[in-house]
Every structure is written in C-alpha cells, then in structure tokens.
Amino acid sequence: MTRSVLVVTHHGRAEAVRASALAVRALREAGIRPVREDEHHELDGCEMVLVLGGDGTILRAAELTRGTDVPVLGINLGHVGFLAESEREQVEEVVRRVAERDYEVEERGTVDVRIIRPGMEPESDWALNEATVEKSTRSRMVEVVLEVDGRPLSSFGCDGVVMATSTGSTAHAFSAGGPVVWPDVDAMLMVPLSAHALFARPLVVGPGSVLAVEVLARSSSDAVLTCDGRRKHDIPAGSRVEVRRGSVPVRLARLSRAPFTDRLVSRFDLPVSGWRGRVLEGGHEPEPIAPLTSAPALDGEA
C-alpha cells in the first residue's frame, strides 16, 4: 500500500511555497505520495501532516488532525517557531527521517473552552496554545472578574486575559509577561493583559482546575474570545468563558530528543557563553548547545 503524507504550507510566503515544492519532490523520490491540503478528505490514509511555515501554520494543521492519531511535524519558516521541529535548511533530511519512520510522537495537552452568553445556548471551542479574552473596543478597557475553581479571585479593568496551556506559555502568554512552563508540566496559565489592579499576577494552576473569565455587565466594552489566534467569538457584556483541561491532545512528531532548555536557548538566542556544566566522568566537558536557528525576532509568525 502506498504511503501518503499531507503537506500543509503557508501559501502567502514565497519561501514556504519553494520549500513545499522541495518537500513534495523529496517525498515522491522516497516513494511517498504527497497530498495537498485541498485534496485531503478526513486525512484518509495519511500517516503524517508535514507543515512548512511557522507556528500559525502548525496550529492550522492541528485543526485538521484534531480527533485523529495523525501526528504533525513542522518545518519552521516563521520566526520563533516553538512548535516546529526542524528548520528550512533541513527539508530533505526531514523527509528522509519520515521515510525511515525515524521519529517519535509526543502528545501535547489542550484546553476545552465553553462560552456562556446571556439568553443563548452555550458554545464550545478548544485550543492548543491559548484562549484569550480581549476588549473589542480599542479605546476602552473591558471589565472582568477572574474565577478559579468556582471561586472569585479578582476583578479589574484590562486589555484582556490569556488562558494558556504549558505549550502556549511561550506564545501570547509569554509576550504578556507570563512564565515559561516546560511542556511536560500538566498545567494551565492565566495571564492578565495590562490590568489596572494591585493584584494581577500570572497564575499557574493544576490540571484539575477550571479557569473562568466573566465580562461584567457594567463593562463599557464587549470582548472577543480568540482560540489559538485563529477562531474568534463575540463575548458581550454579561458573558462567561470557562477553560479546563482538554479531552483531546495534539500529537507532534519529534526528530530530536534535545531538552526543552536547548530549544529555549536556540529560539531566543539566549547568551550562555562561559557555561561549563558538570564535568563528566573521564574529565570530558559536556557538549555545547547546538543552535537550531539564527537569532529570531520576537514579532510572531505571519
């Protein structure tokens, strides 16, 4: 039976289109049928989704694979690219590894989102990185009250609130001053955005907790809920957004067993010169961190 791989590309970038053509050619030479995104039907027969783009394109691929066992493997053509596994110069090597099934698959936790509006049926969504409630009127703050585990925590005016997974801690939550959480930590984050309050610190809660944001009826601005920066929902005053641990994980293919620390150093070009580490047995020095990419800009992925 012919093997097949779904290829998802950021079509708005010439570099991604060129890299996609290279990947398609390499897949065919390896005896694997490349499937274009507009050709796929419920991922029938595809063993993997190969993504050429940044984190935004990988999040789009995660939508396509939701509820399946098909893993996503990203080749970074964006800026930081925390979800990607390889860089643009490694397309042919990645295809070789895929052809040889030389990769591992890890599951990343998600969050389930429930939207409760006055007088309306509840609505549901999900996110791999974060669900963000933000003001819909640029000139006005949104008035919210935060809730953790069914109890009120604090109310204030703000630009919004980010509720993120550990995976999403290096995305929107990070830019808002939230902590970096290692992806194997089963936790959720709540990070206020430009809050007018004495207590508006980022919070980290366990997997059994439920986070909620209520947009107060007195708020001078309605809000907008955005899931993974892709799916938007209007949140009028008097509404409530609940976030809990997701029931369906996202499967990511990994080519490297490098620790998350190395990924942080590489993606943010952190200075580590002078580090020696613990001297290994036999007097050998530990291996230096090999950069995955050149110094990135922290301006997101188009």
Protein backbone atom coordinates (compact mmCIF):
# COMPACT_ATOMS: atom_id res chain seq x y z
CA MET A 1 0.00 0.00 0.00
CA THR A 2 1.35 3.43 -0.97
CA ARG A 3 2.28 5.65 1.96
CA SER A 4 0.98 9.22 1.93
CA VAL A 5 1.77 12.45 3.78
CA LEU A 6 -0.41 15.56 3.86
CA VAL A 7 1.63 18.71 3.09
CA VAL A 8 0.37 21.96 4.64
CA THR A 9 2.04 25.21 3.56
CA HIS A 10 1.86 28.92 4.32
CA HIS A 11 0.79 29.86 0.79
CA GLY A 12 1.22 33.58 1.40
CA ARG A 13 5.00 33.32 1.62
CA ALA A 14 7.16 32.62 -1.42
CA GLU A 15 9.78 30.89 0.73
CA ALA A 16 7.17 28.45 2.05
CA VAL A 17 5.96 27.67 -1.47
CA ARG A 18 9.52 26.93 -2.59
CA ALA A 19 10.17 24.74 0.45
CA SER A 20 6.88 22.93 -0.16
CA ALA A 21 7.90 22.13 -3.74
CA LEU A 22 11.21 20.73 -2.45
CA ALA A 23 9.39 18.61 0.15
CA VAL A 24 6.93 17.27 -2.42
CA ARG A 25 9.76 16.25 -4.73
CA ALA A 26 11.68 14.58 -1.89
CA LEU A 27 8.56 12.68 -0.76
CA ARG A 28 7.95 11.36 -4.27
CA GLU A 29 11.58 10.28 -4.60
CA ALA A 30 11.18 8.40 -1.31
CA GLY A 31 8.11 6.58 -2.65
CA ILE A 32 5.63 8.53 -0.51
CA ARG A 33 2.58 10.18 -2.07
CA PRO A 34 2.34 13.87 -1.12
CA VAL A 35 -1.24 15.05 -0.59
CA ARG A 36 -2.12 18.73 -0.93
CA GLU A 37 -4.29 20.34 1.71
CA ASP A 38 -7.13 20.96 -0.76
CA GLU A 39 -7.09 17.27 -1.77
CA HIS A 40 -7.36 15.62 1.63
CA HIS A 41 -10.55 14.07 2.92
CA GLU A 42 -10.56 13.46 6.66
CA LEU A 43 -6.86 12.53 6.43
CA ASP A 44 -7.78 9.19 4.85
CA GLY A 45 -4.63 7.07 4.66
CA CYS A 46 -2.23 9.88 5.64
CA GLU A 47 0.36 8.82 8.20
CA MET A 48 1.56 12.34 8.98
CA VAL A 49 1.00 16.03 8.30
CA LEU A 50 4.18 17.81 7.19
CA VAL A 51 3.90 21.56 7.82
CA LEU A 52 6.04 24.22 6.15
CA GLY A 53 5.51 27.54 7.89
CA GLY A 54 5.55 28.98 11.38
CA ASP A 55 3.56 28.21 14.50
CA GLY A 56 0.41 29.71 12.97
CA THR A 57 0.52 27.20 10.11
CA ILE A 58 1.16 24.36 12.56
CA LEU A 59 -1.89 25.44 14.56
CA ARG A 60 -3.93 25.27 11.35
CA ALA A 61 -2.66 21.74 10.80
CA ALA A 62 -3.62 20.85 14.38
CA GLU A 63 -7.20 21.76 13.48
CA LEU A 64 -7.10 19.31 10.57
CA THR A 65 -5.78 16.44 12.71
CA ARG A 66 -7.95 17.03 15.78
CA GLY A 67 -9.52 13.80 16.98
CA THR A 68 -7.20 11.60 14.90
CA ASP A 69 -3.95 9.75 15.62
CA VAL A 70 -2.14 11.54 12.78
CA PRO A 71 0.92 13.44 14.07
CA VAL A 72 2.06 16.88 12.90
CA LEU A 73 5.69 17.62 12.01
CA GLY A 74 6.64 21.26 11.48
CA ILE A 75 9.49 22.75 9.46
CA ASN A 76 9.96 26.29 10.74
CA LEU A 77 9.69 29.07 8.18
CA GLY A 78 8.46 31.65 10.67
CA HIS A 79 10.32 33.48 13.41
CA VAL A 80 10.46 31.81 16.82
CA GLY A 81 8.68 28.58 15.83
CA PHE A 82 8.43 26.73 19.15
CA LEU A 83 6.08 24.11 17.73
CA ALA A 84 8.31 23.33 14.76
CA GLU A 85 10.85 20.54 14.88
CA SER A 86 13.26 21.48 12.10
CA GLU A 87 14.49 24.44 10.12
CA ARG A 88 14.12 25.46 6.50
CA GLU A 89 17.55 24.12 5.52
CA GLN A 90 16.63 20.59 6.64
CA VAL A 91 13.68 19.76 4.34
CA GLU A 92 15.33 16.81 2.59
CA GLU A 93 16.73 15.42 5.84
CA VAL A 94 13.28 15.63 7.43
CA VAL A 95 11.73 13.72 4.53
CA ARG A 96 14.45 11.06 4.84
CA ARG A 97 13.63 10.63 8.53
CA VAL A 98 9.91 10.42 7.76
CA ALA A 99 10.54 7.83 5.05
CA GLU A 100 12.53 5.71 7.52
CA ARG A 101 9.91 6.29 10.27
CA ASP A 102 12.79 7.65 12.33
CA TYR A 103 10.83 9.90 14.67
CA GLU A 104 8.92 9.84 17.93
CA VAL A 105 5.44 11.15 18.68
CA GLU A 106 4.55 13.10 21.80
CA GLU A 107 1.16 14.32 22.94
CA ARG A 108 0.60 17.93 23.92
CA GLY A 109 -2.29 18.90 26.17
CA THR A 110 -5.05 21.22 25.02
CA VAL A 111 -7.78 23.22 26.72
CA ASP A 112 -11.52 22.93 26.21
CA VAL A 113 -13.36 26.26 26.10
CA ARG A 114 -17.01 26.86 26.98
CA ILE A 115 -18.72 30.15 26.13
CA ILE A 116 -21.86 31.13 28.04
CA ARG A 117 -23.75 34.19 26.79
CA PRO A 118 -26.90 35.67 28.31
CA GLY A 119 -30.01 34.10 26.82
CA MET A 120 -28.09 31.86 24.40
CA GLU A 121 -27.10 28.21 24.19
CA PRO A 122 -23.52 27.55 25.37
CA GLU A 123 -20.85 27.25 22.67
CA SER A 124 -17.65 25.21 22.71
CA ASP A 125 -14.16 25.53 21.25
CA TRP A 126 -10.63 24.37 22.09
CA ALA A 127 -7.01 25.50 21.90
CA LEU A 128 -3.51 24.05 21.81
CA ASN A 129 -1.78 27.29 22.82
CA GLU A 130 -4.29 29.64 24.42
CA ALA A 131 -7.78 31.06 24.67
CA THR A 132 -7.67 34.86 25.00
CA VAL A 133 -10.48 37.18 26.07
CA GLU A 134 -9.70 40.71 24.84
CA LYS A 135 -11.51 44.01 24.65
CA SER A 136 -13.38 44.60 21.41
CA THR A 137 -13.21 48.40 21.64
CA ARG A 138 -9.68 49.72 21.27
CA SER A 139 -10.27 52.91 23.28
CA ARG A 140 -11.94 51.22 26.27
CA MET A 141 -10.96 48.61 28.81
CA VAL A 142 -13.02 45.51 29.38
CA GLU A 143 -14.19 44.97 32.97
CA VAL A 144 -13.73 41.37 34.07
CA VAL A 145 -13.79 39.19 37.16
CA LEU A 146 -11.47 36.18 37.32
CA GLU A 147 -12.52 32.87 38.80
CA VAL A 148 -10.50 29.78 39.75
CA ASP A 149 -12.19 26.53 40.79
CA GLY A 150 -15.60 28.13 41.15
CA ARG A 151 -14.44 30.96 43.42
CA PRO A 152 -13.92 34.65 42.51
CA LEU A 153 -10.30 35.84 42.61
CA SER A 154 -10.19 39.48 41.50
CA SER A 155 -11.97 41.99 39.28
CA PHE A 156 -10.42 44.84 37.27
CA GLY A 157 -10.33 46.67 34.00
CA CYS A 158 -7.80 45.36 31.49
CA ASP A 159 -6.99 44.79 27.85
CA GLY A 160 -7.76 41.11 28.26
CA VAL A 161 -6.86 37.78 29.86
CA VAL A 162 -4.84 34.91 28.36
CA MET A 163 -5.61 31.35 29.48
CA ALA A 164 -2.88 29.09 28.13
CA THR A 165 -1.53 25.56 28.15
CA SER A 166 2.06 24.76 29.04
CA THR A 167 2.74 24.54 25.30
CA GLY A 168 1.26 28.01 24.87
CA SER A 169 3.33 29.53 27.67
CA THR A 170 5.93 30.66 25.08
CA ALA A 171 3.33 32.29 22.83
CA HIS A 172 0.83 35.06 23.73
CA ALA A 173 1.16 34.40 27.47
CA PHE A 174 4.92 34.92 27.26
CA SER A 175 4.56 38.26 25.47
CA ALA A 176 2.23 39.37 28.28
CA GLY A 177 4.84 38.63 30.95
CA GLY A 178 3.76 35.13 31.88
CA PRO A 179 6.17 32.39 32.97
CA VAL A 180 7.77 29.86 30.66
CA VAL A 181 6.38 26.44 31.58
CA TRP A 182 8.08 23.26 30.39
CA PRO A 183 5.74 21.40 28.01
CA ASP A 184 5.75 18.22 30.10
CA VAL A 185 4.19 20.12 33.03
CA ASP A 186 0.46 19.39 33.14
CA ALA A 187 -0.77 22.89 33.98
CA MET A 188 -2.75 25.89 32.79
CA LEU A 189 -1.87 29.58 32.97
CA MET A 190 -3.98 32.69 33.49
CA VAL A 191 -2.19 35.91 32.47
CA PRO A 192 -3.92 39.34 32.66
CA LEU A 193 -3.15 41.86 29.91
CA SER A 194 -2.42 45.45 31.04
CA ALA A 195 -4.63 45.12 34.10
CA HIS A 196 -5.47 48.14 36.25
CA ALA A 197 -5.16 46.36 39.58
CA LEU A 198 -2.84 45.85 42.52
CA PHE A 199 -3.02 42.08 42.12
CA ALA A 200 -2.85 40.94 38.51
CA ARG A 201 -0.01 38.44 38.55
CA PRO A 202 0.19 35.45 36.19
CA LEU A 203 -1.24 32.30 37.75
CA VAL A 204 -0.29 28.66 37.19
CA VAL A 205 -2.88 26.04 38.20
CA GLY A 206 -3.08 22.27 38.12
CA PRO A 207 -4.80 20.08 35.53
CA GLY A 208 -7.93 19.62 37.62
CA SER A 209 -8.65 23.32 37.97
CA VAL A 210 -11.20 25.31 35.99
CA LEU A 211 -10.43 28.90 34.96
CA ALA A 212 -13.16 31.38 34.14
CA VAL A 213 -13.42 34.98 32.97
CA GLU A 214 -16.69 36.86 33.32
CA VAL A 215 -17.19 40.09 31.36
CA LEU A 216 -19.08 42.23 33.83
CA ALA A 217 -22.47 43.60 32.83
CA ARG A 218 -21.21 47.08 33.68
CA SER A 219 -18.25 46.80 31.28
CA SER A 220 -18.04 49.69 28.84
CA SER A 221 -16.60 47.33 26.24
CA ASP A 222 -17.67 43.95 24.98
CA ALA A 223 -14.97 41.33 24.43
CA VAL A 224 -13.69 38.94 21.79
CA LEU A 225 -12.54 35.40 22.51
CA THR A 226 -9.75 34.11 20.26
CA CYS A 227 -8.64 30.48 20.30
CA ASP A 228 -5.06 29.92 19.09
CA GLY A 229 -5.22 33.24 17.27
CA ARG A 230 -7.44 31.62 14.63
CA ARG A 231 -11.07 31.26 15.74
CA LYS A 232 -12.97 34.28 17.08
CA HIS A 233 -16.16 34.52 19.14
CA ASP A 234 -18.00 37.66 20.23
CA ILE A 235 -18.31 37.90 24.02
CA PRO A 236 -20.90 40.53 25.01
CA ALA A 237 -21.01 42.06 28.47
CA GLY A 238 -22.54 39.65 30.96
CA SER A 239 -20.94 36.60 29.31
CA ARG A 240 -18.68 33.97 30.79
CA VAL A 241 -15.76 31.95 29.35
CA GLU A 242 -14.65 28.75 31.08
CA VAL A 243 -11.39 26.93 30.35
CA ARG A 244 -10.47 23.45 31.56
CA ARG A 245 -8.02 20.72 30.65
CA GLY A 246 -8.76 19.45 27.16
CA SER A 247 -10.07 15.98 26.45
CA VAL A 248 -8.25 15.60 23.09
CA PRO A 249 -4.45 16.10 22.84
CA VAL A 250 -2.47 17.15 19.77
CA ARG A 251 0.18 14.71 18.54
CA LEU A 252 3.51 16.23 17.47
CA ALA A 253 6.24 14.26 15.68
CA ARG A 254 9.71 14.82 17.10
CA LEU A 255 13.06 14.18 15.43
CA SER A 256 15.27 15.26 18.31
CA ARG A 257 15.45 14.33 21.98
CA ALA A 258 17.12 17.63 22.86
CA PRO A 259 15.80 19.02 26.16
CA PHE A 260 13.42 21.96 26.19
CA THR A 261 16.17 24.11 27.71
CA ASP A 262 18.16 23.83 24.48
CA ARG A 263 15.08 24.83 22.49
CA LEU A 264 14.65 27.94 24.65
CA VAL A 265 18.29 28.93 24.23
CA SER A 266 18.16 28.42 20.49
CA ARG A 267 14.81 30.07 19.78
CA PHE A 268 15.53 33.18 21.85
CA ASP A 269 19.27 33.25 21.16
CA LEU A 270 19.98 33.35 24.90
CA PRO A 271 23.56 34.09 25.99
CA VAL A 272 25.18 31.01 27.51
CA SER A 273 28.86 31.68 26.80
CA GLY A 274 31.10 30.64 29.68
CA TRP A 275 28.92 27.75 30.74
CA ARG A 276 30.89 24.64 31.64
CA GLY A 277 28.32 22.47 33.37
CA ARG A 278 29.19 19.46 35.47
CA VAL A 279 32.43 17.85 34.34
CA LEU A 280 31.57 14.40 33.00
CA GLU A 281 33.26 11.18 34.00
CA GLY A 282 36.71 10.91 32.49
CA GLY A 283 37.16 14.67 32.59
CA HIS A 284 35.24 15.34 29.35
CA GLU A 285 33.36 18.59 29.02
CA PRO A 286 29.60 18.44 28.29
CA GLU A 287 28.60 19.10 24.71
CA PRO A 288 27.73 22.73 23.91
CA ILE A 289 24.21 23.62 22.87
CA ALA A 290 23.88 23.42 19.10
CA PRO A 291 21.76 26.30 17.78
CA LEU A 292 18.68 25.26 15.82
CA THR A 293 18.37 28.56 14.03
CA SER A 294 19.79 32.05 13.79
CA ALA A 295 18.72 34.74 16.24
CA PRO A 296 14.93 35.12 15.89
CA ALA A 297 12.80 38.23 16.08
CA LEU A 298 10.03 38.24 18.67
CA ASP A 299 7.37 39.60 16.34
CA GLY A 300 5.27 36.48 15.84
CA GLU A 301 4.64 34.37 12.77
CA ALA A 302 2.74 35.70 9.80
